[in-house]
C-alpha atoms as a PDB file:
ATOM      1  CA  UNK A   1     -24.798  -8.342 -30.576  1.00  0.00           C
ATOM      2  CA  UNK A   2     -25.033 -10.393 -33.772  1.00  0.00           C
ATOM      3  CA  UNK A   3     -24.449  -8.913 -37.200  1.00  0.00           C
ATOM      4  CA  UNK A   4     -27.091  -9.396 -39.924  1.00  0.00           C
ATOM      5  CA  UNK A   5     -25.225 -12.311 -41.467  1.00  0.00           C
ATOM      6  CA  UNK A   6     -25.111 -14.206 -38.173  1.00  0.00           C
ATOM      7  CA  UNK A   7     -28.783 -13.466 -37.488  1.00  0.00           C
ATOM      8  CA  UNK A   8     -29.761 -14.706 -40.942  1.00  0.00           C
ATOM      9  CA  UNK A   9     -27.835 -17.947 -40.551  1.00  0.00           C
ATOM     10  CA  UNK A  10     -29.204 -18.552 -37.029  1.00  0.00           C
ATOM     11  CA  UNK A  11     -32.753 -17.928 -38.252  1.00  0.00           C
ATOM     12  CA  UNK A  12     -32.267 -20.349 -41.140  1.00  0.00           C
ATOM     13  CA  UNK A  13     -30.727 -22.981 -38.877  1.00  0.00           C
ATOM     14  CA  UNK A  14     -33.595 -22.814 -36.369  1.00  0.00           C
ATOM     15  CA  UNK A  15     -36.224 -22.959 -39.124  1.00  0.00           C
ATOM     16  CA  UNK A  16     -34.549 -25.926 -40.815  1.00  0.00           C
ATOM     17  CA  UNK A  17     -34.184 -27.803 -37.543  1.00  0.00           C
ATOM     18  CA  UNK A  18     -37.824 -27.156 -36.572  1.00  0.00           C
ATOM     19  CA  UNK A  19     -38.950 -28.393 -39.990  1.00  0.00           C
ATOM     20  CA  UNK A  20     -36.688 -31.456 -40.350  1.00  0.00           C
ATOM     21  CA  UNK A  21     -35.632 -32.446 -36.841  1.00  0.00           C
ATOM     22  CA  UNK A  22     -32.091 -33.122 -38.056  1.00  0.00           C
ATOM     23  CA  UNK A  23     -28.874 -31.279 -37.117  1.00  0.00           C
ATOM     24  CA  UNK A  24     -28.144 -28.655 -39.737  1.00  0.00           C
ATOM     25  CA  UNK A  25     -24.797 -28.705 -41.538  1.00  0.00           C
ATOM     26  CA  UNK A  26     -22.969 -25.878 -43.297  1.00  0.00           C
ATOM     27  CA  UNK A  27     -23.893 -27.141 -46.784  1.00  0.00           C
ATOM     28  CA  UNK A  28     -27.615 -27.136 -45.927  1.00  0.00           C
ATOM     29  CA  UNK A  29     -27.264 -23.676 -44.421  1.00  0.00           C
ATOM     30  CA  UNK A  30     -25.511 -22.396 -47.512  1.00  0.00           C
ATOM     31  CA  UNK A  31     -28.372 -23.548 -49.767  1.00  0.00           C
ATOM     32  CA  UNK A  32     -31.259 -22.565 -47.488  1.00  0.00           C
ATOM     33  CA  UNK A  33     -30.011 -19.147 -46.397  1.00  0.00           C
ATOM     34  CA  UNK A  34     -29.709 -17.675 -49.884  1.00  0.00           C
ATOM     35  CA  UNK A  35     -26.471 -15.977 -48.836  1.00  0.00           C
ATOM     36  CA  UNK A  36     -23.486 -16.230 -51.125  1.00  0.00           C
ATOM     37  CA  UNK A  37     -21.040 -17.414 -48.506  1.00  0.00           C
ATOM     38  CA  UNK A  38     -18.296 -19.983 -48.708  1.00  0.00           C
ATOM     39  CA  UNK A  39     -18.593 -23.146 -46.590  1.00  0.00           C
ATOM     40  CA  UNK A  40     -15.572 -21.971 -44.601  1.00  0.00           C
ATOM     41  CA  UNK A  41     -17.266 -18.646 -43.781  1.00  0.00           C
ATOM     42  CA  UNK A  42     -20.435 -20.432 -42.686  1.00  0.00           C
ATOM     43  CA  UNK A  43     -18.429 -22.784 -40.478  1.00  0.00           C
ATOM     44  CA  UNK A  44     -16.753 -19.779 -38.852  1.00  0.00           C
ATOM     45  CA  UNK A  45     -20.092 -18.114 -38.166  1.00  0.00           C
ATOM     46  CA  UNK A  46     -21.477 -21.355 -36.720  1.00  0.00           C
ATOM     47  CA  UNK A  47     -18.444 -21.636 -34.474  1.00  0.00           C
ATOM     48  CA  UNK A  48     -19.125 -18.104 -33.217  1.00  0.00           C
ATOM     49  CA  UNK A  49     -22.807 -18.928 -32.599  1.00  0.00           C
ATOM     50  CA  UNK A  50     -21.777 -22.038 -30.719  1.00  0.00           C
ATOM     51  CA  UNK A  51     -19.357 -20.066 -28.588  1.00  0.00           C
ATOM     52  CA  UNK A  52     -22.222 -17.697 -27.708  1.00  0.00           C
ATOM     53  CA  UNK A  53     -24.316 -20.659 -26.550  1.00  0.00           C
ATOM     54  CA  UNK A  54     -26.947 -20.204 -29.279  1.00  0.00           C
ATOM     55  CA  UNK A  55     -26.345 -23.524 -31.033  1.00  0.00           C
ATOM     56  CA  UNK A  56     -24.779 -26.840 -30.077  1.00  0.00           C
ATOM     57  CA  UNK A  57     -23.234 -29.795 -31.834  1.00  0.00           C
ATOM     58  CA  UNK A  58     -24.636 -33.259 -31.018  1.00  0.00           C
ATOM     59  CA  UNK A  59     -21.942 -35.885 -30.595  1.00  0.00           C
ATOM     60  CA  UNK A  60     -23.268 -38.016 -33.443  1.00  0.00           C
ATOM     61  CA  UNK A  61     -23.381 -35.309 -36.105  1.00  0.00           C
ATOM     62  CA  UNK A  62     -21.316 -32.608 -37.730  1.00  0.00           C
ATOM     63  CA  UNK A  63     -24.422 -30.413 -37.887  1.00  0.00           C
ATOM     64  CA  UNK A  64     -25.741 -28.020 -35.248  1.00  0.00           C
ATOM     65  CA  UNK A  65     -29.020 -27.675 -33.354  1.00  0.00           C
ATOM     66  CA  UNK A  66     -30.443 -24.659 -31.484  1.00  0.00           C
ATOM     67  CA  UNK A  67     -30.076 -24.368 -27.721  1.00  0.00           C
ATOM     68  CA  UNK A  68     -32.867 -22.925 -25.520  1.00  0.00           C
ATOM     69  CA  UNK A  69     -30.954 -19.635 -25.653  1.00  0.00           C
ATOM     70  CA  UNK A  70     -30.916 -19.826 -29.454  1.00  0.00           C
ATOM     71  CA  UNK A  71     -34.655 -20.531 -29.537  1.00  0.00           C
ATOM     72  CA  UNK A  72     -35.235 -17.565 -27.230  1.00  0.00           C
ATOM     73  CA  UNK A  73     -33.342 -15.172 -29.515  1.00  0.00           C
ATOM     74  CA  UNK A  74     -35.194 -16.592 -32.522  1.00  0.00           C
ATOM     75  CA  UNK A  75     -38.606 -16.195 -30.854  1.00  0.00           C
ATOM     76  CA  UNK A  76     -37.916 -12.692 -29.533  1.00  0.00           C
ATOM     77  CA  UNK A  77     -36.335 -11.124 -32.613  1.00  0.00           C
ATOM     78  CA  UNK A  78     -36.795 -13.260 -35.728  1.00  0.00           C
ATOM     79  CA  UNK A  79     -40.373 -14.513 -35.862  1.00  0.00           C
ATOM     80  CA  UNK A  80     -42.563 -12.865 -38.480  1.00  0.00           C
ATOM     81  CA  UNK A  81     -46.358 -12.792 -38.333  1.00  0.00           C
ATOM     82  CA  UNK A  82     -48.270 -14.839 -40.893  1.00  0.00           C
ATOM     83  CA  UNK A  83     -52.001 -14.207 -40.323  1.00  0.00           C
ATOM     84  CA  UNK A  84     -53.079 -16.864 -42.835  1.00  0.00           C
ATOM     85  CA  UNK A  85     -51.036 -19.629 -41.249  1.00  0.00           C
ATOM     86  CA  UNK A  86     -54.033 -21.476 -39.795  1.00  0.00           C
ATOM     87  CA  UNK A  87     -56.255 -21.162 -42.877  1.00  0.00           C
ATOM     88  CA  UNK A  88     -59.903 -21.973 -42.110  1.00  0.00           C
ATOM     89  CA  UNK A  89     -59.139 -23.802 -38.842  1.00  0.00           C
ATOM     90  CA  UNK A  90     -60.291 -20.932 -36.558  1.00  0.00           C
ATOM     91  CA  UNK A  91     -63.796 -21.141 -38.093  1.00  0.00           C
ATOM     92  CA  UNK A  92     -64.039 -24.804 -37.078  1.00  0.00           C
ATOM     93  CA  UNK A  93     -62.604 -23.874 -33.690  1.00  0.00           C
ATOM     94  CA  UNK A  94     -65.222 -21.208 -33.046  1.00  0.00           C
ATOM     95  CA  UNK A  95     -68.074 -23.555 -33.937  1.00  0.00           C
ATOM     96  CA  UNK A  96     -67.043 -26.013 -31.219  1.00  0.00           C
ATOM     97  CA  UNK A  97     -66.867 -23.513 -28.347  1.00  0.00           C
ATOM     98  CA  UNK A  98     -70.544 -23.254 -27.450  1.00  0.00           C
ATOM     99  CA  UNK A  99     -71.183 -20.820 -24.563  1.00  0.00           C
ATOM    100  CA  UNK A 100     -74.080 -22.768 -23.002  1.00  0.00           C
ATOM    101  CA  UNK A 101     -71.899 -24.798 -20.627  1.00  0.00           C
ATOM    102  CA  UNK A 102     -68.664 -23.188 -19.339  1.00  0.00           C
ATOM    103  CA  UNK A 103     -67.113 -26.525 -18.353  1.00  0.00           C
ATOM    104  CA  UNK A 104     -67.638 -27.847 -21.878  1.00  0.00           C
ATOM    105  CA  UNK A 105     -65.996 -24.708 -23.278  1.00  0.00           C
ATOM    106  CA  UNK A 106     -62.893 -25.368 -21.169  1.00  0.00           C
ATOM    107  CA  UNK A 107     -62.732 -29.075 -22.053  1.00  0.00           C
ATOM    108  CA  UNK A 108     -63.305 -28.368 -25.758  1.00  0.00           C
ATOM    109  CA  UNK A 109     -60.617 -25.677 -25.726  1.00  0.00           C
ATOM    110  CA  UNK A 110     -58.028 -28.110 -24.300  1.00  0.00           C
ATOM    111  CA  UNK A 111     -58.926 -30.692 -26.956  1.00  0.00           C
ATOM    112  CA  UNK A 112     -58.784 -28.125 -29.753  1.00  0.00           C
ATOM    113  CA  UNK A 113     -55.407 -26.808 -28.614  1.00  0.00           C
ATOM    114  CA  UNK A 114     -54.117 -30.381 -28.655  1.00  0.00           C
ATOM    115  CA  UNK A 115     -55.635 -31.212 -32.044  1.00  0.00           C
ATOM    116  CA  UNK A 116     -54.391 -28.049 -33.743  1.00  0.00           C
ATOM    117  CA  UNK A 117     -50.885 -28.237 -32.272  1.00  0.00           C
ATOM    118  CA  UNK A 118     -50.459 -32.048 -32.227  1.00  0.00           C
ATOM    119  CA  UNK A 119     -48.990 -31.548 -28.754  1.00  0.00           C
ATOM    120  CA  UNK A 120     -50.599 -31.128 -25.314  1.00  0.00           C
ATOM    121  CA  UNK A 121     -53.406 -28.632 -24.730  1.00  0.00           C
ATOM    122  CA  UNK A 122     -53.882 -27.260 -21.208  1.00  0.00           C
ATOM    123  CA  UNK A 123     -56.520 -24.932 -19.775  1.00  0.00           C
ATOM    124  CA  UNK A 124     -56.904 -23.814 -16.171  1.00  0.00           C
ATOM    125  CA  UNK A 125     -60.548 -23.736 -15.106  1.00  0.00           C
ATOM    126  CA  UNK A 126     -61.965 -20.245 -14.479  1.00  0.00           C
ATOM    127  CA  UNK A 127     -61.179 -18.914 -11.039  1.00  0.00           C
ATOM    128  CA  UNK A 128     -64.325 -18.084  -9.107  1.00  0.00           C
ATOM    129  CA  UNK A 129     -64.362 -14.884  -7.076  1.00  0.00           C
ATOM    130  CA  UNK A 130     -63.607 -15.775  -3.454  1.00  0.00           C
ATOM    131  CA  UNK A 131     -66.701 -14.082  -2.032  1.00  0.00           C
ATOM    132  CA  UNK A 132     -69.002 -15.525   0.625  1.00  0.00           C
ATOM    133  CA  UNK A 133     -72.727 -14.838   0.943  1.00  0.00           C
ATOM    134  CA  UNK A 134     -73.366 -16.508   4.276  1.00  0.00           C
ATOM    135  CA  UNK A 135     -71.394 -18.345   6.957  1.00  0.00           C
ATOM    136  CA  UNK A 136     -72.446 -20.567   9.843  1.00  0.00           C
ATOM    137  CA  UNK A 137     -70.578 -22.149  12.773  1.00  0.00           C
ATOM    138  CA  UNK A 138     -72.000 -25.311  14.352  1.00  0.00           C
ATOM    139  CA  UNK A 139     -70.608 -26.923  17.500  1.00  0.00           C
ATOM    140  CA  UNK A 140     -69.846 -30.615  16.927  1.00  0.00           C
ATOM    141  CA  UNK A 141     -68.229 -31.375  20.253  1.00  0.00           C
ATOM    142  CA  UNK A 142     -65.461 -30.169  22.502  1.00  0.00           C
ATOM    143  CA  UNK A 143     -63.212 -27.853  20.454  1.00  0.00           C
ATOM    144  CA  UNK A 144     -64.672 -29.175  17.164  1.00  0.00           C
ATOM    145  CA  UNK A 145     -66.612 -26.760  14.963  1.00  0.00           C
ATOM    146  CA  UNK A 146     -68.245 -27.231  11.560  1.00  0.00           C
ATOM    147  CA  UNK A 147     -67.802 -24.204   9.286  1.00  0.00           C
ATOM    148  CA  UNK A 148     -70.440 -23.873   6.545  1.00  0.00           C
ATOM    149  CA  UNK A 149     -69.730 -21.258   3.876  1.00  0.00           C
ATOM    150  CA  UNK A 150     -72.181 -20.386   1.088  1.00  0.00           C
ATOM    151  CA  UNK A 151     -71.042 -18.493  -2.018  1.00  0.00           C
ATOM    152  CA  UNK A 152     -73.269 -15.983  -3.899  1.00  0.00           C
ATOM    153  CA  UNK A 153     -74.044 -18.592  -6.580  1.00  0.00           C
ATOM    154  CA  UNK A 154     -75.130 -21.169  -3.992  1.00  0.00           C
ATOM    155  CA  UNK A 155     -71.988 -23.314  -3.721  1.00  0.00           C
ATOM    156  CA  UNK A 156     -71.605 -24.731  -0.214  1.00  0.00           C
ATOM    157  CA  UNK A 157     -68.269 -25.547   1.426  1.00  0.00           C
ATOM    158  CA  UNK A 158     -68.081 -27.530   4.682  1.00  0.00           C
ATOM    159  CA  UNK A 159     -64.987 -27.898   6.847  1.00  0.00           C
ATOM    160  CA  UNK A 160     -64.378 -29.168  10.371  1.00  0.00           C
ATOM    161  CA  UNK A 161     -61.917 -27.052  12.361  1.00  0.00           C
ATOM    162  CA  UNK A 162     -60.348 -27.642  15.757  1.00  0.00           C
ATOM    163  CA  UNK A 163     -60.295 -24.636  18.077  1.00  0.00           C
ATOM    164  CA  UNK A 164     -57.861 -23.815  20.859  1.00  0.00           C
ATOM    165  CA  UNK A 165     -60.701 -23.622  23.376  1.00  0.00           C
ATOM    166  CA  UNK A 166     -64.262 -24.908  23.606  1.00  0.00           C
ATOM    167  CA  UNK A 167     -67.091 -22.632  22.445  1.00  0.00           C
ATOM    168  CA  UNK A 168     -70.792 -22.652  23.244  1.00  0.00           C
ATOM    169  CA  UNK A 169     -73.261 -22.560  20.377  1.00  0.00           C
ATOM    170  CA  UNK A 170     -74.207 -19.027  21.502  1.00  0.00           C
ATOM    171  CA  UNK A 171     -70.608 -17.844  21.014  1.00  0.00           C
ATOM    172  CA  UNK A 172     -70.475 -19.502  17.620  1.00  0.00           C
ATOM    173  CA  UNK A 173     -73.758 -17.839  16.613  1.00  0.00           C
ATOM    174  CA  UNK A 174     -72.357 -14.448  17.694  1.00  0.00           C
ATOM    175  CA  UNK A 175     -69.324 -14.939  15.466  1.00  0.00           C
ATOM    176  CA  UNK A 176     -71.527 -16.055  12.550  1.00  0.00           C
ATOM    177  CA  UNK A 177     -73.841 -13.067  12.931  1.00  0.00           C
ATOM    178  CA  UNK A 178     -70.973 -10.599  13.103  1.00  0.00           C
ATOM    179  CA  UNK A 179     -69.313 -12.042   9.999  1.00  0.00           C
ATOM    180  CA  UNK A 180     -72.553 -12.083   8.006  1.00  0.00           C
ATOM    181  CA  UNK A 181     -73.538  -8.554   9.059  1.00  0.00           C
ATOM    182  CA  UNK A 182     -70.195  -6.858   8.474  1.00  0.00           C
ATOM    183  CA  UNK A 183     -68.409  -8.858   5.782  1.00  0.00           C
ATOM    184  CA  UNK A 184     -70.914 -10.718   3.549  1.00  0.00           C
ATOM    185  CA  UNK A 185     -70.346  -9.852  -0.096  1.00  0.00           C
ATOM    186  CA  UNK A 186     -66.672  -8.948   0.379  1.00  0.00           C
ATOM    187  CA  UNK A 187     -63.846 -11.031  -1.052  1.00  0.00           C
ATOM    188  CA  UNK A 188     -62.018 -13.262   1.406  1.00  0.00           C
ATOM    189  CA  UNK A 189     -58.878 -11.198   0.809  1.00  0.00           C
ATOM    190  CA  UNK A 190     -60.751  -8.025   1.817  1.00  0.00           C
ATOM    191  CA  UNK A 191     -62.181  -9.747   4.909  1.00  0.00           C
ATOM    192  CA  UNK A 192     -58.699 -10.850   5.935  1.00  0.00           C
ATOM    193  CA  UNK A 193     -57.377  -7.279   5.627  1.00  0.00           C
ATOM    194  CA  UNK A 194     -60.280  -5.801   7.584  1.00  0.00           C
ATOM    195  CA  UNK A 195     -59.861  -8.360  10.355  1.00  0.00           C
ATOM    196  CA  UNK A 196     -56.214  -7.335  10.758  1.00  0.00           C
ATOM    197  CA  UNK A 197     -57.311  -3.788  11.606  1.00  0.00           C
ATOM    198  CA  UNK A 198     -60.380  -4.707  13.654  1.00  0.00           C
ATOM    199  CA  UNK A 199     -58.998  -7.606  15.679  1.00  0.00           C
ATOM    200  CA  UNK A 200     -58.441  -5.420  18.758  1.00  0.00           C
ATOM    201  CA  UNK A 201     -62.131  -4.492  18.819  1.00  0.00           C
ATOM    202  CA  UNK A 202     -63.250  -8.121  18.811  1.00  0.00           C
ATOM    203  CA  UNK A 203     -63.230 -10.637  21.601  1.00  0.00           C
ATOM    204  CA  UNK A 204     -60.230 -12.897  21.156  1.00  0.00           C
ATOM    205  CA  UNK A 205     -62.177 -16.089  20.525  1.00  0.00           C
ATOM    206  CA  UNK A 206     -64.455 -14.441  17.945  1.00  0.00           C
ATOM    207  CA  UNK A 207     -61.449 -13.040  16.076  1.00  0.00           C
ATOM    208  CA  UNK A 208     -59.874 -16.490  16.003  1.00  0.00           C
ATOM    209  CA  UNK A 209     -63.070 -18.048  14.645  1.00  0.00           C
ATOM    210  CA  UNK A 210     -63.365 -15.396  11.944  1.00  0.00           C
ATOM    211  CA  UNK A 211     -59.777 -15.874  10.861  1.00  0.00           C
ATOM    212  CA  UNK A 212     -60.310 -19.646  10.789  1.00  0.00           C
ATOM    213  CA  UNK A 213     -63.377 -19.165   8.563  1.00  0.00           C
ATOM    214  CA  UNK A 214     -61.426 -17.011   6.115  1.00  0.00           C
ATOM    215  CA  UNK A 215     -58.694 -19.647   5.992  1.00  0.00           C
ATOM    216  CA  UNK A 216     -61.277 -22.364   5.301  1.00  0.00           C
ATOM    217  CA  UNK A 217     -62.742 -20.357   2.429  1.00  0.00           C
ATOM    218  CA  UNK A 218     -59.345 -19.601   0.922  1.00  0.00           C
ATOM    219  CA  UNK A 219     -58.308 -23.272   1.027  1.00  0.00           C
ATOM    220  CA  UNK A 220     -61.604 -24.341  -0.522  1.00  0.00           C
ATOM    221  CA  UNK A 221     -61.166 -21.915  -3.407  1.00  0.00           C
ATOM    222  CA  UNK A 222     -57.589 -23.010  -4.082  1.00  0.00           C
ATOM    223  CA  UNK A 223     -58.609 -26.666  -4.106  1.00  0.00           C
ATOM    224  CA  UNK A 224     -61.302 -25.934  -6.693  1.00  0.00           C
ATOM    225  CA  UNK A 225     -58.770 -24.709  -9.215  1.00  0.00           C
ATOM    226  CA  UNK A 226     -58.048 -27.397 -11.747  1.00  0.00           C
ATOM    227  CA  UNK A 227     -56.175 -27.961 -14.962  1.00  0.00           C
ATOM    228  CA  UNK A 228     -57.778 -29.642 -17.955  1.00  0.00           C
ATOM    229  CA  UNK A 229     -55.138 -31.538 -19.968  1.00  0.00           C
ATOM    230  CA  UNK A 230     -55.645 -33.049 -23.403  1.00  0.00           C
ATOM    231  CA  UNK A 231     -53.320 -34.911 -25.756  1.00  0.00           C
ATOM    232  CA  UNK A 232     -50.585 -36.231 -23.468  1.00  0.00           C
ATOM    233  CA  UNK A 233     -50.303 -39.292 -25.708  1.00  0.00           C
ATOM    234  CA  UNK A 234     -49.256 -37.013 -28.585  1.00  0.00           C
ATOM    235  CA  UNK A 235     -45.855 -36.739 -26.928  1.00  0.00           C
ATOM    236  CA  UNK A 236     -45.282 -40.465 -27.497  1.00  0.00           C
ATOM    237  CA  UNK A 237     -44.977 -39.757 -31.227  1.00  0.00           C
ATOM    238  CA  UNK A 238     -42.698 -36.721 -30.860  1.00  0.00           C
ATOM    239  CA  UNK A 239     -39.249 -37.738 -32.030  1.00  0.00           C
ATOM    240  CA  UNK A 240     -37.520 -35.526 -29.457  1.00  0.00           C
ATOM    241  CA  UNK A 241     -39.190 -37.434 -26.605  1.00  0.00           C
ATOM    242  CA  UNK A 242     -39.849 -40.916 -27.980  1.00  0.00           C
ATOM    243  CA  UNK A 243     -36.131 -41.746 -28.022  1.00  0.00           C
ATOM    244  CA  UNK A 244     -35.650 -40.765 -24.376  1.00  0.00           C
ATOM    245  CA  UNK A 245     -37.831 -42.630 -21.895  1.00  0.00           C
ATOM    246  CA  UNK A 246     -36.491 -40.595 -18.974  1.00  0.00           C
ATOM    247  CA  UNK A 247     -37.728 -37.379 -20.583  1.00  0.00           C
ATOM    248  CA  UNK A 248     -41.125 -38.913 -21.245  1.00  0.00           C
ATOM    249  CA  UNK A 249     -41.373 -40.156 -17.680  1.00  0.00           C
ATOM    250  CA  UNK A 250     -40.585 -36.693 -16.288  1.00  0.00           C
ATOM    251  CA  UNK A 251     -43.166 -35.071 -18.562  1.00  0.00           C
ATOM    252  CA  UNK A 252     -45.929 -37.456 -17.563  1.00  0.00           C
ATOM    253  CA  UNK A 253     -45.003 -36.865 -13.916  1.00  0.00           C
ATOM    254  CA  UNK A 254     -45.519 -33.141 -14.586  1.00  0.00           C
ATOM    255  CA  UNK A 255     -49.025 -33.754 -15.924  1.00  0.00           C
ATOM    256  CA  UNK A 256     -49.897 -35.833 -12.868  1.00  0.00           C
ATOM    257  CA  UNK A 257     -48.573 -33.176 -10.482  1.00  0.00           C
ATOM    258  CA  UNK A 258     -51.104 -30.540 -11.459  1.00  0.00           C
ATOM    259  CA  UNK A 259     -49.998 -28.172  -8.702  1.00  0.00           C
ATOM    260  CA  UNK A 260     -46.661 -27.653 -10.447  1.00  0.00           C
ATOM    261  CA  UNK A 261     -48.420 -27.241 -13.779  1.00  0.00           C
ATOM    262  CA  UNK A 262     -50.638 -24.564 -12.224  1.00  0.00           C
ATOM    263  CA  UNK A 263     -47.490 -22.758 -11.080  1.00  0.00           C
ATOM    264  CA  UNK A 264     -46.036 -22.881 -14.583  1.00  0.00           C
ATOM    265  CA  UNK A 265     -49.198 -21.397 -16.049  1.00  0.00           C
ATOM    266  CA  UNK A 266     -49.801 -18.878 -13.279  1.00  0.00           C
ATOM    267  CA  UNK A 267     -47.190 -16.453 -14.626  1.00  0.00           C
ATOM    268  CA  UNK A 268     -49.170 -16.095 -17.845  1.00  0.00           C
ATOM    269  CA  UNK A 269     -52.323 -14.997 -16.052  1.00  0.00           C
ATOM    270  CA  UNK A 270     -50.526 -11.820 -14.932  1.00  0.00           C
ATOM    271  CA  UNK A 271     -49.367 -10.856 -18.425  1.00  0.00           C
ATOM    272  CA  UNK A 272     -51.067  -9.500 -21.513  1.00  0.00           C
ATOM    273  CA  UNK A 273     -51.065 -11.564 -24.676  1.00  0.00           C
ATOM    274  CA  UNK A 274     -49.112 -14.678 -25.539  1.00  0.00           C
ATOM    275  CA  UNK A 275     -46.060 -15.679 -23.515  1.00  0.00           C
ATOM    276  CA  UNK A 276     -43.462 -18.276 -24.440  1.00  0.00           C
ATOM    277  CA  UNK A 277     -41.436 -20.203 -21.868  1.00  0.00           C
ATOM    278  CA  UNK A 278     -38.538 -22.201 -23.271  1.00  0.00           C
ATOM    279  CA  UNK A 279     -37.107 -25.088 -21.258  1.00  0.00           C
ATOM    280  CA  UNK A 280     -33.945 -24.736 -19.289  1.00  0.00           C
ATOM    281  CA  UNK A 281     -33.777 -20.935 -19.429  1.00  0.00           C
ATOM    282  CA  UNK A 282     -35.316 -20.371 -15.980  1.00  0.00           C
ATOM    283  CA  UNK A 283     -37.054 -22.035 -13.061  1.00  0.00           C
ATOM    284  CA  UNK A 284     -40.397 -21.369 -14.739  1.00  0.00           C
ATOM    285  CA  UNK A 285     -39.833 -24.311 -17.075  1.00  0.00           C
ATOM    286  CA  UNK A 286     -37.329 -26.641 -15.395  1.00  0.00           C
ATOM    287  CA  UNK A 287     -37.333 -29.099 -18.306  1.00  0.00           C
ATOM    288  CA  UNK A 288     -34.589 -28.595 -20.874  1.00  0.00           C
ATOM    289  CA  UNK A 289     -36.560 -30.148 -23.739  1.00  0.00           C
ATOM    290  CA  UNK A 290     -39.945 -28.508 -23.039  1.00  0.00           C
ATOM    291  CA  UNK A 291     -41.592 -25.272 -24.170  1.00  0.00           C
ATOM    292  CA  UNK A 292     -44.912 -23.708 -23.202  1.00  0.00           C
ATOM    293  CA  UNK A 293     -46.843 -21.192 -25.297  1.00  0.00           C
ATOM    294  CA  UNK A 294     -49.619 -19.707 -23.157  1.00  0.00           C
ATOM    295  CA  UNK A 295     -52.034 -16.812 -22.820  1.00  0.00           C
ATOM    296  CA  UNK A 296     -54.642 -15.642 -20.296  1.00  0.00           C
ATOM    297  CA  UNK A 297     -58.343 -15.652 -21.090  1.00  0.00           C
ATOM    298  CA  UNK A 298     -61.029 -13.370 -19.718  1.00  0.00           C
ATOM    299  CA  UNK A 299     -64.677 -13.252 -18.732  1.00  0.00           C
ATOM    300  CA  UNK A 300     -66.244  -9.810 -19.090  1.00  0.00           C
ATOM    301  CA  UNK A 301     -62.823  -8.160 -19.172  1.00  0.00           C
ATOM    302  CA  UNK A 302     -61.456  -9.933 -16.058  1.00  0.00           C
ATOM    303  CA  UNK A 303     -58.650 -12.485 -16.400  1.00  0.00           C
ATOM    304  CA  UNK A 304     -59.939 -15.746 -14.914  1.00  0.00           C
ATOM    305  CA  UNK A 305     -57.604 -18.436 -16.287  1.00  0.00           C
ATOM    306  CA  UNK A 306     -54.805 -19.482 -18.600  1.00  0.00           C
ATOM    307  CA  UNK A 307     -54.553 -21.790 -21.593  1.00  0.00           C
ATOM    308  CA  UNK A 308     -51.699 -22.995 -23.726  1.00  0.00           C
ATOM    309  CA  UNK A 309     -49.774 -25.614 -25.630  1.00  0.00           C
ATOM    310  CA  UNK A 310     -46.995 -27.740 -24.111  1.00  0.00           C
ATOM    311  CA  UNK A 311     -44.569 -29.435 -26.460  1.00  0.00           C
ATOM    312  CA  UNK A 312     -40.920 -29.879 -27.384  1.00  0.00           C
ATOM    313  CA  UNK A 313     -38.591 -26.918 -27.769  1.00  0.00           C
ATOM    314  CA  UNK A 314     -38.512 -27.898 -31.445  1.00  0.00           C
ATOM    315  CA  UNK A 315     -41.958 -26.568 -32.288  1.00  0.00           C
ATOM    316  CA  UNK A 316     -43.310 -24.203 -34.952  1.00  0.00           C
ATOM    317  CA  UNK A 317     -43.555 -21.202 -32.636  1.00  0.00           C
ATOM    318  CA  UNK A 318     -45.267 -18.926 -35.161  1.00  0.00           C
ATOM    319  CA  UNK A 319     -48.072 -21.448 -35.596  1.00  0.00           C
ATOM    320  CA  UNK A 320     -48.354 -22.162 -31.842  1.00  0.00           C
ATOM    321  CA  UNK A 321     -48.577 -18.432 -31.057  1.00  0.00           C
ATOM    322  CA  UNK A 322     -51.513 -18.054 -33.435  1.00  0.00           C
ATOM    323  CA  UNK A 323     -53.253 -21.187 -32.130  1.00  0.00           C
ATOM    324  CA  UNK A 324     -52.985 -20.015 -28.515  1.00  0.00           C
ATOM    325  CA  UNK A 325     -53.854 -16.385 -29.267  1.00  0.00           C
ATOM    326  CA  UNK A 326     -56.956 -17.224 -31.298  1.00  0.00           C
ATOM    327  CA  UNK A 327     -58.119 -19.853 -28.798  1.00  0.00           C
ATOM    328  CA  UNK A 328     -57.762 -17.473 -25.838  1.00  0.00           C
ATOM    329  CA  UNK A 329     -59.852 -14.835 -27.603  1.00  0.00           C
ATOM    330  CA  UNK A 330     -62.526 -17.359 -28.617  1.00  0.00           C
ATOM    331  CA  UNK A 331     -62.721 -18.841 -25.107  1.00  0.00           C
ATOM    332  CA  UNK A 332     -63.031 -15.302 -23.693  1.00  0.00           C
ATOM    333  CA  UNK A 333     -65.875 -14.518 -26.107  1.00  0.00           C
ATOM    334  CA  UNK A 334     -67.685 -17.811 -25.442  1.00  0.00           C
ATOM    335  CA  UNK A 335     -67.518 -17.478 -21.644  1.00  0.00           C
ATOM    336  CA  UNK A 336     -68.513 -13.791 -21.706  1.00  0.00           C
ATOM    337  CA  UNK A 337     -71.755 -14.463 -23.588  1.00  0.00           C
ATOM    338  CA  UNK A 338     -74.707 -14.329 -21.256  1.00  0.00           C
END
């Protein structure tokens, strides 16, 4: 536990470093904190904070900078809300999120997050419910079957599967008819669960075909998920990254490997409100110099995606929280309008 004096000095140090990007020395802390403390006392407190792993001393400076652990303590216990921080920017934001085309809403939201933060804006596209309206099996040749799956909104997915044994078109039609009669309108997850309990009542080959169809649908849905990214080039001007080409290279690799980015954002879709992931503190963000501020967004009360800002650990977290929070609510409103 930190006493009030230590908390005050840590808060001041983090705020000064976020604002200036320079290691903070005891003299600067003495002036900025407003505490009547001697330089020796401040140095002792900084030594204690360093021993606790909350701040660190770069080799080239006598000053200190926050560690990810220090940022985490700052974010969790020292941030104060400032509702007027963004000024009139949310009004301009709202005007650009027109509900007529959902894809444009998502793309505009990523661009706005990037523009407002000066970092990278990311939005996962809305997840569609994994429900099928109709399914068809067509025999293509020996042990080759074309699976055609139609969603309620008319999307069609085609996949060729290879079966363990050959099937006649009559057998394939029987499987199609049974699936359409008993399971149409259910989610693929519900179909999978029902098949587990009903597999004994089905002929073996029909059960295998049904399970294969569910797998096809699940894979198709997962492949549709995408991440819209805007503002990667902003990182080229960030001092924390521009001096380290290895860091930049790793970050751009992350943006290219969208599967990993989806994993990073997925945790936010299961939480309420804004979440902050600070680099190096867990496997969620395996990059020491990177932070993500994210929040889920909804359509008609159902969480369907995640959006956020990706930038350096040295970011104005209070501002980023407001940007992400307001954007998530505006995207939810825009997409929920009929």
